[in-house]
Amino acid sequence: GGISNVKDSLKGRFTISKDNDKRTIYLQMNSLTPEDTAVYY
C-alpha cells in the first residue's frame, strides 16, 4: 500500500519509494558517509 519504514539510524537520510507501473523500487540516499559503503540489494 505504499507505507514505508526506514531503519532508525538511517531516518532523515534515506527514503524508499516505488513505482508499481514500472515494477521498480528506489532508494534515495543523502548525506552519505563512508559507513554507508556496501553492496545494496
PDB file of all heavy atoms in Angstrom:
ATOM      1  N   GLY A   1       0.787  -1.223   0.000  1.00  0.00           N
ATOM      2  CA  GLY A   1       0.000   0.000   0.000  1.00  0.00           C
ATOM      3  C   GLY A   1       0.820   1.274   0.000  1.00  0.00           C
ATOM      4  O   GLY A   1       0.261   2.370  -0.052  1.00  0.00           O
ATOM      5  N   GLY A   2       2.129   1.121   0.062  1.00  0.00           N
ATOM      6  CA  GLY A   2       2.988   2.298  -0.031  1.00  0.00           C
ATOM      7  C   GLY A   2       3.454   2.879   1.292  1.00  0.00           C
ATOM      8  O   GLY A   2       4.080   3.945   1.313  1.00  0.00           O
ATOM      9  N   ILE A   3       3.203   2.195   2.377  1.00  0.00           N
ATOM     10  CA  ILE A   3       3.690   2.673   3.672  1.00  0.00           C
ATOM     11  C   ILE A   3       5.152   2.266   3.808  1.00  0.00           C
ATOM     12  O   ILE A   3       5.494   1.095   3.672  1.00  0.00           O
ATOM     13  CB  ILE A   3       2.866   2.082   4.821  1.00  0.00           C
ATOM     14  CG1 ILE A   3       1.406   2.552   4.695  1.00  0.00           C
ATOM     15  CG2 ILE A   3       3.447   2.500   6.165  1.00  0.00           C
ATOM     16  CD1 ILE A   3       0.475   1.900   5.673  1.00  0.00           C
ATOM     17  N   SER A   4       5.999   3.245   4.100  1.00  0.00           N
ATOM     18  CA  SER A   4       7.433   2.989   4.129  1.00  0.00           C
ATOM     19  C   SER A   4       7.979   3.083   5.542  1.00  0.00           C
ATOM     20  O   SER A   4       7.408   3.734   6.414  1.00  0.00           O
ATOM     21  CB  SER A   4       8.165   3.976   3.221  1.00  0.00           C
ATOM     22  OG  SER A   4       7.975   5.295   3.672  1.00  0.00           O
ATOM     23  N   ASN A   5       9.089   2.420   5.725  1.00  0.00           N
ATOM     24  CA  ASN A   5       9.785   2.468   7.009  1.00  0.00           C
ATOM     25  C   ASN A   5      11.266   2.358   6.740  1.00  0.00           C
ATOM     26  O   ASN A   5      11.703   1.583   5.884  1.00  0.00           O
ATOM     27  CB  ASN A   5       9.335   1.334   7.928  1.00  0.00           C
ATOM     28  CG  ASN A   5       9.827   1.526   9.344  1.00  0.00           C
ATOM     29  OD1 ASN A   5       9.926   2.647   9.823  1.00  0.00           O
ATOM     30  ND2 ASN A   5      10.167   0.437  10.009  1.00  0.00           N
ATOM     31  N   VAL A   6      12.044   3.150   7.447  1.00  0.00           N
ATOM     32  CA  VAL A   6      13.489   3.180   7.284  1.00  0.00           C
ATOM     33  C   VAL A   6      14.138   2.821   8.615  1.00  0.00           C
ATOM     34  O   VAL A   6      13.650   3.214   9.684  1.00  0.00           O
ATOM     35  CB  VAL A   6      13.955   4.571   6.807  1.00  0.00           C
ATOM     36  CG1 VAL A   6      15.468   4.636   6.716  1.00  0.00           C
ATOM     37  CG2 VAL A   6      13.328   4.904   5.456  1.00  0.00           C
ATOM     38  N   LYS A   7      15.215   2.095   8.553  1.00  0.00           N
ATOM     39  CA  LYS A   7      15.982   1.761   9.747  1.00  0.00           C
ATOM     40  C   LYS A   7      16.234   3.039  10.542  1.00  0.00           C
ATOM     41  O   LYS A   7      16.575   4.090   9.970  1.00  0.00           O
ATOM     42  CB  LYS A   7      17.297   1.108   9.332  1.00  0.00           C
ATOM     43  CG  LYS A   7      18.175   0.658  10.468  1.00  0.00           C
ATOM     44  CD  LYS A   7      19.437  -0.015   9.913  1.00  0.00           C
ATOM     45  CE  LYS A   7      20.342  -0.491  11.040  1.00  0.00           C
ATOM     46  NZ  LYS A   7      21.559  -1.166  10.525  1.00  0.00           N
ATOM     47  N   ASP A   8      16.060   2.953  11.844  1.00  0.00           N
ATOM     48  CA  ASP A   8      16.119   4.142  12.698  1.00  0.00           C
ATOM     49  C   ASP A   8      17.383   4.960  12.480  1.00  0.00           C
ATOM     50  O   ASP A   8      17.338   6.192  12.411  1.00  0.00           O
ATOM     51  CB  ASP A   8      16.014   3.734  14.169  1.00  0.00           C
ATOM     52  CG  ASP A   8      14.600   3.368  14.570  1.00  0.00           C
ATOM     53  OD1 ASP A   8      13.664   3.660  13.799  1.00  0.00           O
ATOM     54  OD2 ASP A   8      14.428   2.776  15.653  1.00  0.00           O
ATOM     55  N   SER A   9      18.508   4.305  12.377  1.00  0.00           N
ATOM     56  CA  SER A   9      19.780   5.017  12.274  1.00  0.00           C
ATOM     57  C   SER A   9      19.943   5.722  10.928  1.00  0.00           C
ATOM     58  O   SER A   9      20.860   6.529  10.756  1.00  0.00           O
ATOM     59  CB  SER A   9      20.946   4.058  12.489  1.00  0.00           C
ATOM     60  OG  SER A   9      20.937   3.032  11.516  1.00  0.00           O
ATOM     61  N   LEU A  10      19.061   5.412   9.972  1.00  0.00           N
ATOM     62  CA  LEU A  10      19.165   5.999   8.645  1.00  0.00           C
ATOM     63  C   LEU A  10      18.038   6.992   8.355  1.00  0.00           C
ATOM     64  O   LEU A  10      18.023   7.625   7.297  1.00  0.00           O
ATOM     65  CB  LEU A  10      19.146   4.899   7.587  1.00  0.00           C
ATOM     66  CG  LEU A  10      20.248   3.845   7.698  1.00  0.00           C
ATOM     67  CD1 LEU A  10      20.060   2.758   6.653  1.00  0.00           C
ATOM     68  CD2 LEU A  10      21.630   4.478   7.563  1.00  0.00           C
ATOM     69  N   LYS A  11      17.108   7.100   9.274  1.00  0.00           N
ATOM     70  CA  LYS A  11      15.994   8.025   9.070  1.00  0.00           C
ATOM     71  C   LYS A  11      16.494   9.457   8.923  1.00  0.00           C
ATOM     72  O   LYS A  11      17.422   9.872   9.607  1.00  0.00           O
ATOM     73  CB  LYS A  11      15.016   7.921  10.240  1.00  0.00           C
ATOM     74  CG  LYS A  11      14.170   6.661  10.201  1.00  0.00           C
ATOM     75  CD  LYS A  11      13.187   6.598  11.355  1.00  0.00           C
ATOM     76  CE  LYS A  11      12.328   5.339  11.233  1.00  0.00           C
ATOM     77  NZ  LYS A  11      11.382   5.181  12.368  1.00  0.00           N
ATOM     78  N   GLY A  12      15.866  10.154   8.006  1.00  0.00           N
ATOM     79  CA  GLY A  12      16.275  11.522   7.731  1.00  0.00           C
ATOM     80  C   GLY A  12      17.281  11.625   6.601  1.00  0.00           C
ATOM     81  O   GLY A  12      17.477  12.698   6.037  1.00  0.00           O
ATOM     82  N   ARG A  13      17.924  10.485   6.274  1.00  0.00           N
ATOM     83  CA  ARG A  13      18.887  10.498   5.172  1.00  0.00           C
ATOM     84  C   ARG A  13      18.443   9.603   4.003  1.00  0.00           C
ATOM     85  O   ARG A  13      18.711   9.920   2.854  1.00  0.00           O
ATOM     86  CB  ARG A  13      20.255  10.025   5.643  1.00  0.00           C
ATOM     87  CG  ARG A  13      20.915  10.907   6.672  1.00  0.00           C
ATOM     88  CD  ARG A  13      22.403  10.605   6.765  1.00  0.00           C
ATOM     89  NE  ARG A  13      22.684   9.230   7.200  1.00  0.00           N
ATOM     90  CZ  ARG A  13      23.415   8.361   6.486  1.00  0.00           C
ATOM     91  NH1 ARG A  13      23.910   8.699   5.302  1.00  0.00           N
ATOM     92  NH2 ARG A  13      23.642   7.146   6.965  1.00  0.00           N
ATOM     93  N   PHE A  14      17.786   8.497   4.322  1.00  0.00           N
ATOM     94  CA  PHE A  14      17.381   7.526   3.298  1.00  0.00           C
ATOM     95  C   PHE A  14      15.866   7.546   3.132  1.00  0.00           C
ATOM     96  O   PHE A  14      15.123   7.653   4.112  1.00  0.00           O
ATOM     97  CB  PHE A  14      17.819   6.122   3.684  1.00  0.00           C
ATOM     98  CG  PHE A  14      19.290   5.858   3.534  1.00  0.00           C
ATOM     99  CD1 PHE A  14      20.223   6.866   3.537  1.00  0.00           C
ATOM    100  CD2 PHE A  14      19.745   4.550   3.396  1.00  0.00           C
ATOM    101  CE1 PHE A  14      21.582   6.607   3.405  1.00  0.00           C
ATOM    102  CE2 PHE A  14      21.093   4.267   3.259  1.00  0.00           C
ATOM    103  CZ  PHE A  14      22.008   5.307   3.268  1.00  0.00           C
ATOM    104  N   THR A  15      15.417   7.379   1.898  1.00  0.00           N
ATOM    105  CA  THR A  15      13.993   7.313   1.596  1.00  0.00           C
ATOM    106  C   THR A  15      13.748   6.193   0.595  1.00  0.00           C
ATOM    107  O   THR A  15      14.458   6.104  -0.416  1.00  0.00           O
ATOM    108  CB  THR A  15      13.488   8.634   0.996  1.00  0.00           C
ATOM    109  OG1 THR A  15      13.786   9.719   1.886  1.00  0.00           O
ATOM    110  CG2 THR A  15      11.982   8.575   0.768  1.00  0.00           C
ATOM    111  N   ILE A  16      12.749   5.377   0.859  1.00  0.00           N
ATOM    112  CA  ILE A  16      12.378   4.302  -0.062  1.00  0.00           C
ATOM    113  C   ILE A  16      11.062   4.686  -0.748  1.00  0.00           C
ATOM    114  O   ILE A  16      10.165   5.282  -0.136  1.00  0.00           O
ATOM    115  CB  ILE A  16      12.238   2.947   0.663  1.00  0.00           C
ATOM    116  CG1 ILE A  16      11.994   1.817  -0.333  1.00  0.00           C
ATOM    117  CG2 ILE A  16      11.157   2.991   1.735  1.00  0.00           C
ATOM    118  CD1 ILE A  16      12.040   0.424   0.295  1.00  0.00           C
ATOM    119  N   SER A  17      10.962   4.354  -2.025  1.00  0.00           N
ATOM    120  CA  SER A  17       9.736   4.599  -2.775  1.00  0.00           C
ATOM    121  C   SER A  17       9.607   3.532  -3.852  1.00  0.00           C
ATOM    122  O   SER A  17      10.527   2.739  -4.062  1.00  0.00           O
ATOM    123  CB  SER A  17       9.736   5.999  -3.385  1.00  0.00           C
ATOM    124  OG  SER A  17      10.814   6.155  -4.283  1.00  0.00           O
ATOM    125  N   LYS A  18       8.464   3.533  -4.527  1.00  0.00           N
ATOM    126  CA  LYS A  18       8.295   2.547  -5.590  1.00  0.00           C
ATOM    127  C   LYS A  18       7.356   3.080  -6.654  1.00  0.00           C
ATOM    128  O   LYS A  18       6.568   4.000  -6.420  1.00  0.00           O
ATOM    129  CB  LYS A  18       7.773   1.221  -5.036  1.00  0.00           C
ATOM    130  CG  LYS A  18       6.371   1.304  -4.437  1.00  0.00           C
ATOM    131  CD  LYS A  18       5.880  -0.074  -4.044  1.00  0.00           C
ATOM    132  CE  LYS A  18       4.475  -0.007  -3.459  1.00  0.00           C
ATOM    133  NZ  LYS A  18       3.902  -1.364  -3.265  1.00  0.00           N
ATOM    134  N   ASP A  19       7.480   2.502  -7.826  1.00  0.00           N
ATOM    135  CA  ASP A  19       6.595   2.793  -8.949  1.00  0.00           C
ATOM    136  C   ASP A  19       5.998   1.459  -9.389  1.00  0.00           C
ATOM    137  O   ASP A  19       6.690   0.645 -10.006  1.00  0.00           O
ATOM    138  CB  ASP A  19       7.381   3.465 -10.080  1.00  0.00           C
ATOM    139  CG  ASP A  19       6.484   3.902 -11.231  1.00  0.00           C
ATOM    140  OD1 ASP A  19       5.488   3.205 -11.528  1.00  0.00           O
ATOM    141  OD2 ASP A  19       6.805   4.934 -11.859  1.00  0.00           O
ATOM    142  N   ASN A  20       4.745   1.238  -9.055  1.00  0.00           N
ATOM    143  CA  ASN A  20       4.138  -0.058  -9.361  1.00  0.00           C
ATOM    144  C   ASN A  20       4.074  -0.324 -10.863  1.00  0.00           C
ATOM    145  O   ASN A  20       4.269  -1.455 -11.308  1.00  0.00           O
ATOM    146  CB  ASN A  20       2.734  -0.139  -8.759  1.00  0.00           C
ATOM    147  CG  ASN A  20       2.760  -0.206  -7.242  1.00  0.00           C
ATOM    148  OD1 ASN A  20       3.732  -0.665  -6.648  1.00  0.00           O
ATOM    149  ND2 ASN A  20       1.701   0.250  -6.608  1.00  0.00           N
ATOM    150  N   ASP A  21       3.798   0.711 -11.627  1.00  0.00           N
ATOM    151  CA  ASP A  21       3.684   0.526 -13.074  1.00  0.00           C
ATOM    152  C   ASP A  21       5.008   0.095 -13.694  1.00  0.00           C
ATOM    153  O   ASP A  21       5.038  -0.675 -14.651  1.00  0.00           O
ATOM    154  CB  ASP A  21       3.192   1.804 -13.743  1.00  0.00           C
ATOM    155  CG  ASP A  21       1.751   2.119 -13.379  1.00  0.00           C
ATOM    156  OD1 ASP A  21       1.001   1.185 -13.010  1.00  0.00           O
ATOM    157  OD2 ASP A  21       1.365   3.305 -13.452  1.00  0.00           O
ATOM    158  N   LYS A  22       6.101   0.609 -13.142  1.00  0.00           N
ATOM    159  CA  LYS A  22       7.426   0.267 -13.653  1.00  0.00           C
ATOM    160  C   LYS A  22       8.025  -0.917 -12.912  1.00  0.00           C
ATOM    161  O   LYS A  22       9.147  -1.330 -13.225  1.00  0.00           O
ATOM    162  CB  LYS A  22       8.358   1.470 -13.550  1.00  0.00           C
ATOM    163  CG  LYS A  22       7.951   2.649 -14.414  1.00  0.00           C
ATOM    164  CD  LYS A  22       8.946   3.785 -14.275  1.00  0.00           C
ATOM    165  CE  LYS A  22       8.549   4.961 -15.166  1.00  0.00           C
ATOM    166  NZ  LYS A  22       9.495   6.103 -15.031  1.00  0.00           N
ATOM    167  N   ARG A  23       7.313  -1.414 -11.896  1.00  0.00           N
ATOM    168  CA  ARG A  23       7.824  -2.527 -11.064  1.00  0.00           C
ATOM    169  C   ARG A  23       9.241  -2.195 -10.572  1.00  0.00           C
ATOM    170  O   ARG A  23      10.146  -3.029 -10.642  1.00  0.00           O
ATOM    171  CB  ARG A  23       7.791  -3.841 -11.823  1.00  0.00           C
ATOM    172  CG  ARG A  23       6.404  -4.286 -12.242  1.00  0.00           C
ATOM    173  CD  ARG A  23       6.330  -5.774 -12.436  1.00  0.00           C
ATOM    174  NE  ARG A  23       7.309  -6.259 -13.420  1.00  0.00           N
ATOM    175  CZ  ARG A  23       7.100  -6.307 -14.716  1.00  0.00           C
ATOM    176  NH1 ARG A  23       5.951  -5.885 -15.203  1.00  0.00           N
ATOM    177  NH2 ARG A  23       8.021  -6.770 -15.520  1.00  0.00           N
ATOM    178  N   THR A  24       9.390  -1.010 -10.086  1.00  0.00           N
ATOM    179  CA  THR A  24      10.710  -0.518  -9.665  1.00  0.00           C
ATOM    180  C   THR A  24      10.642   0.042  -8.254  1.00  0.00           C
ATOM    181  O   THR A  24       9.687   0.737  -7.905  1.00  0.00           O
ATOM    182  CB  THR A  24      11.229   0.554 -10.625  1.00  0.00           C
ATOM    183  OG1 THR A  24      11.314   0.006 -11.944  1.00  0.00           O
ATOM    184  CG2 THR A  24      12.602   1.047 -10.206  1.00  0.00           C
ATOM    185  N   ILE A  25      11.660  -0.274  -7.485  1.00  0.00           N
ATOM    186  CA  ILE A  25      11.824   0.259  -6.134  1.00  0.00           C
ATOM    187  C   ILE A  25      13.024   1.197  -6.158  1.00  0.00           C
ATOM    188  O   ILE A  25      14.025   0.910  -6.824  1.00  0.00           O
ATOM    189  CB  ILE A  25      12.093  -0.867  -5.125  1.00  0.00           C
ATOM    190  CG1 ILE A  25      11.045  -1.972  -5.256  1.00  0.00           C
ATOM    191  CG2 ILE A  25      12.085  -0.339  -3.696  1.00  0.00           C
ATOM    192  CD1 ILE A  25      11.488  -3.242  -4.591  1.00  0.00           C
ATOM    193  N   TYR A  26      12.927   2.269  -5.408  1.00  0.00           N
ATOM    194  CA  TYR A  26      14.006   3.253  -5.369  1.00  0.00           C
ATOM    195  C   TYR A  26      14.498   3.428  -3.925  1.00  0.00           C
ATOM    196  O   TYR A  26      13.749   3.255  -2.967  1.00  0.00           O
ATOM    197  CB  TYR A  26      13.518   4.607  -5.892  1.00  0.00           C
ATOM    198  CG  TYR A  26      12.963   4.558  -7.288  1.00  0.00           C
ATOM    199  CD1 TYR A  26      11.586   4.501  -7.514  1.00  0.00           C
ATOM    200  CD2 TYR A  26      13.810   4.566  -8.398  1.00  0.00           C
ATOM    201  CE1 TYR A  26      11.066   4.454  -8.791  1.00  0.00           C
ATOM    202  CE2 TYR A  26      13.297   4.514  -9.686  1.00  0.00           C
ATOM    203  CZ  TYR A  26      11.923   4.453  -9.877  1.00  0.00           C
ATOM    204  OH  TYR A  26      11.424   4.398 -11.154  1.00  0.00           O
ATOM    205  N   LEU A  27      15.758   3.801  -3.823  1.00  0.00           N
ATOM    206  CA  LEU A  27      16.317   4.190  -2.536  1.00  0.00           C
ATOM    207  C   LEU A  27      17.094   5.478  -2.743  1.00  0.00           C
ATOM    208  O   LEU A  27      18.129   5.486  -3.408  1.00  0.00           O
ATOM    209  CB  LEU A  27      17.238   3.099  -1.966  1.00  0.00           C
ATOM    210  CG  LEU A  27      17.782   3.388  -0.572  1.00  0.00           C
ATOM    211  CD1 LEU A  27      16.648   3.344   0.450  1.00  0.00           C
ATOM    212  CD2 LEU A  27      18.875   2.388  -0.195  1.00  0.00           C
ATOM    213  N   GLN A  28      16.564   6.555  -2.195  1.00  0.00           N
ATOM    214  CA  GLN A  28      17.245   7.845  -2.235  1.00  0.00           C
ATOM    215  C   GLN A  28      18.113   7.964  -0.995  1.00  0.00           C
ATOM    216  O   GLN A  28      17.612   7.826   0.122  1.00  0.00           O
ATOM    217  CB  GLN A  28      16.232   8.996  -2.290  1.00  0.00           C
ATOM    218  CG  GLN A  28      16.859  10.368  -2.271  1.00  0.00           C
ATOM    219  CD  GLN A  28      17.656  10.669  -3.531  1.00  0.00           C
ATOM    220  OE1 GLN A  28      17.230  10.353  -4.638  1.00  0.00           O
ATOM    221  NE2 GLN A  28      18.826  11.273  -3.369  1.00  0.00           N
ATOM    222  N   MET A  29      19.390   8.217  -1.208  1.00  0.00           N
ATOM    223  CA  MET A  29      20.342   8.293  -0.103  1.00  0.00           C
ATOM    224  C   MET A  29      21.013   9.650  -0.127  1.00  0.00           C
ATOM    225  O   MET A  29      21.608  10.036  -1.136  1.00  0.00           O
ATOM    226  CB  MET A  29      21.391   7.183  -0.219  1.00  0.00           C
ATOM    227  CG  MET A  29      20.793   5.789  -0.350  1.00  0.00           C
ATOM    228  SD  MET A  29      22.041   4.492  -0.382  1.00  0.00           S
ATOM    229  CE  MET A  29      22.856   4.862  -1.932  1.00  0.00           C
ATOM    230  N   ASN A  30      20.931  10.369   0.968  1.00  0.00           N
ATOM    231  CA  ASN A  30      21.526  11.700   1.080  1.00  0.00           C
ATOM    232  C   ASN A  30      22.549  11.737   2.213  1.00  0.00           C
ATOM    233  O   ASN A  30      22.551  10.858   3.083  1.00  0.00           O
ATOM    234  CB  ASN A  30      20.437  12.736   1.329  1.00  0.00           C
ATOM    235  CG  ASN A  30      19.410  12.795   0.213  1.00  0.00           C
ATOM    236  OD1 ASN A  30      19.736  12.626  -0.969  1.00  0.00           O
ATOM    237  ND2 ASN A  30      18.166  13.045   0.574  1.00  0.00           N
ATOM    238  N   SER A  31      23.381  12.731   2.195  1.00  0.00           N
ATOM    239  CA  SER A  31      24.389  12.930   3.246  1.00  0.00           C
ATOM    240  C   SER A  31      25.157  11.642   3.511  1.00  0.00           C
ATOM    241  O   SER A  31      25.317  11.215   4.660  1.00  0.00           O
ATOM    242  CB  SER A  31      23.717  13.423   4.530  1.00  0.00           C
ATOM    243  OG  SER A  31      23.019  14.627   4.297  1.00  0.00           O
ATOM    244  N   LEU A  32      25.639  11.051   2.461  1.00  0.00           N
ATOM    245  CA  LEU A  32      26.302   9.751   2.579  1.00  0.00           C
ATOM    246  C   LEU A  32      27.622   9.857   3.343  1.00  0.00           C
ATOM    247  O   LEU A  32      28.331  10.880   3.255  1.00  0.00           O
ATOM    248  CB  LEU A  32      26.538   9.158   1.201  1.00  0.00           C
ATOM    249  CG  LEU A  32      25.259   8.626   0.525  1.00  0.00           C
ATOM    250  CD1 LEU A  32      25.467   8.463  -0.980  1.00  0.00           C
ATOM    251  CD2 LEU A  32      24.839   7.311   1.144  1.00  0.00           C
ATOM    252  N   THR A  33      27.922   8.815   4.082  1.00  0.00           N
ATOM    253  CA  THR A  33      29.163   8.722   4.842  1.00  0.00           C
ATOM    254  C   THR A  33      29.890   7.439   4.433  1.00  0.00           C
ATOM    255  O   THR A  33      29.285   6.529   3.859  1.00  0.00           O
ATOM    256  CB  THR A  33      28.896   8.688   6.345  1.00  0.00           C
ATOM    257  OG1 THR A  33      28.370   7.390   6.702  1.00  0.00           O
ATOM    258  CG2 THR A  33      27.889   9.753   6.765  1.00  0.00           C
ATOM    259  N   PRO A  34      31.171   7.332   4.747  1.00  0.00           N
ATOM    260  CA  PRO A  34      31.901   6.096   4.421  1.00  0.00           C
ATOM    261  C   PRO A  34      31.250   4.853   5.029  1.00  0.00           C
ATOM    262  O   PRO A  34      31.402   3.749   4.472  1.00  0.00           O
ATOM    263  CB  PRO A  34      33.290   6.354   5.013  1.00  0.00           C
ATOM    264  CG  PRO A  34      33.443   7.843   4.916  1.00  0.00           C
ATOM    265  CD  PRO A  34      32.078   8.388   5.220  1.00  0.00           C
ATOM    266  N   GLU A  35      30.539   5.013   6.127  1.00  0.00           N
ATOM    267  CA  GLU A  35      29.871   3.868   6.760  1.00  0.00           C
ATOM    268  C   GLU A  35      28.708   3.339   5.918  1.00  0.00           C
ATOM    269  O   GLU A  35      28.190   2.255   6.196  1.00  0.00           O
ATOM    270  CB  GLU A  35      29.365   4.247   8.149  1.00  0.00           C
ATOM    271  CG  GLU A  35      30.456   4.402   9.206  1.00  0.00           C
ATOM    272  CD  GLU A  35      31.340   5.618   8.955  1.00  0.00           C
ATOM    273  OE1 GLU A  35      30.801   6.668   8.498  1.00  0.00           O
ATOM    274  OE2 GLU A  35      32.568   5.532   9.193  1.00  0.00           O
ATOM    275  N   ASP A  36      28.297   4.082   4.915  1.00  0.00           N
ATOM    276  CA  ASP A  36      27.238   3.619   4.013  1.00  0.00           C
ATOM    277  C   ASP A  36      27.794   2.758   2.879  1.00  0.00           C
ATOM    278  O   ASP A  36      27.022   2.229   2.066  1.00  0.00           O
ATOM    279  CB  ASP A  36      26.482   4.808   3.423  1.00  0.00           C
ATOM    280  CG  ASP A  36      25.752   5.613   4.487  1.00  0.00           C
ATOM    281  OD1 ASP A  36      25.117   4.996   5.367  1.00  0.00           O
ATOM    282  OD2 ASP A  36      25.829   6.858   4.438  1.00  0.00           O
ATOM    283  N   THR A  37      29.087   2.626   2.812  1.00  0.00           N
ATOM    284  CA  THR A  37      29.706   1.792   1.774  1.00  0.00           C
ATOM    285  C   THR A  37      29.281   0.340   1.954  1.00  0.00           C
ATOM    286  O   THR A  37      29.445  -0.248   3.030  1.00  0.00           O
ATOM    287  CB  THR A  37      31.233   1.891   1.846  1.00  0.00           C
ATOM    288  OG1 THR A  37      31.614   3.236   1.522  1.00  0.00           O
ATOM    289  CG2 THR A  37      31.894   0.924   0.879  1.00  0.00           C
ATOM    290  N   ALA A  38      28.703  -0.221   0.906  1.00  0.00           N
ATOM    291  CA  ALA A  38      28.184  -1.585   0.973  1.00  0.00           C
ATOM    292  C   ALA A  38      27.656  -1.969  -0.398  1.00  0.00           C
ATOM    293  O   ALA A  38      27.546  -1.125  -1.297  1.00  0.00           O
ATOM    294  CB  ALA A  38      27.048  -1.681   1.996  1.00  0.00           C
ATOM    295  N   VAL A  39      27.324  -3.236  -0.542  1.00  0.00           N
ATOM    296  CA  VAL A  39      26.557  -3.683  -1.694  1.00  0.00           C
ATOM    297  C   VAL A  39      25.086  -3.628  -1.285  1.00  0.00           C
ATOM    298  O   VAL A  39      24.713  -4.151  -0.228  1.00  0.00           O
ATOM    299  CB  VAL A  39      26.943  -5.102  -2.127  1.00  0.00           C
ATOM    300  CG1 VAL A  39      26.099  -5.526  -3.339  1.00  0.00           C
ATOM    301  CG2 VAL A  39      28.424  -5.172  -2.463  1.00  0.00           C
ATOM    302  N   TYR A  40      24.283  -2.996  -2.115  1.00  0.00           N
ATOM    303  CA  TYR A  40      22.868  -2.803  -1.821  1.00  0.00           C
ATOM    304  C   TYR A  40      22.037  -3.746  -2.679  1.00  0.00           C
ATOM    305  O   TYR A  40      22.254  -3.858  -3.884  1.00  0.00           O
ATOM    306  CB  TYR A  40      22.475  -1.348  -2.077  1.00  0.00           C
ATOM    307  CG  TYR A  40      22.985  -0.416  -1.011  1.00  0.00           C
ATOM    308  CD1 TYR A  40      24.335  -0.107  -0.907  1.00  0.00           C
ATOM    309  CD2 TYR A  40      22.108   0.154  -0.081  1.00  0.00           C
ATOM    310  CE1 TYR A  40      24.805   0.734   0.090  1.00  0.00           C
ATOM    311  CE2 TYR A  40      22.567   1.013   0.909  1.00  0.00           C
ATOM    312  CZ  TYR A  40      23.913   1.298   0.987  1.00  0.00           C
ATOM    313  OH  TYR A  40      24.375   2.142   1.982  1.00  0.00           O
ATOM    314  N   TYR A  41      21.087  -4.396  -2.032  1.00  0.00           N
ATOM    315  CA  TYR A  41      20.219  -5.377  -2.679  1.00  0.00           C
ATOM    316  C   TYR A  41      18.753  -5.040  -2.408  1.00  0.00           C
ATOM    317  O   TYR A  41      18.423  -4.433  -1.396  1.00  0.00           O
ATOM    318  CB  TYR A  41      20.461  -6.776  -2.110  1.00  0.00           C
ATOM    319  CG  TYR A  41      21.861  -7.295  -2.201  1.00  0.00           C
ATOM    320  CD1 TYR A  41      22.798  -7.016  -1.204  1.00  0.00           C
ATOM    321  CD2 TYR A  41      22.246  -8.117  -3.264  1.00  0.00           C
ATOM    322  CE1 TYR A  41      24.086  -7.522  -1.272  1.00  0.00           C
ATOM    323  CE2 TYR A  41      23.531  -8.623  -3.333  1.00  0.00           C
ATOM    324  CZ  TYR A  41      24.441  -8.320  -2.336  1.00  0.00           C
ATOM    325  OH  TYR A  41      25.717  -8.831  -2.406  1.00  0.00           O
TER     326      TYR A  41
END
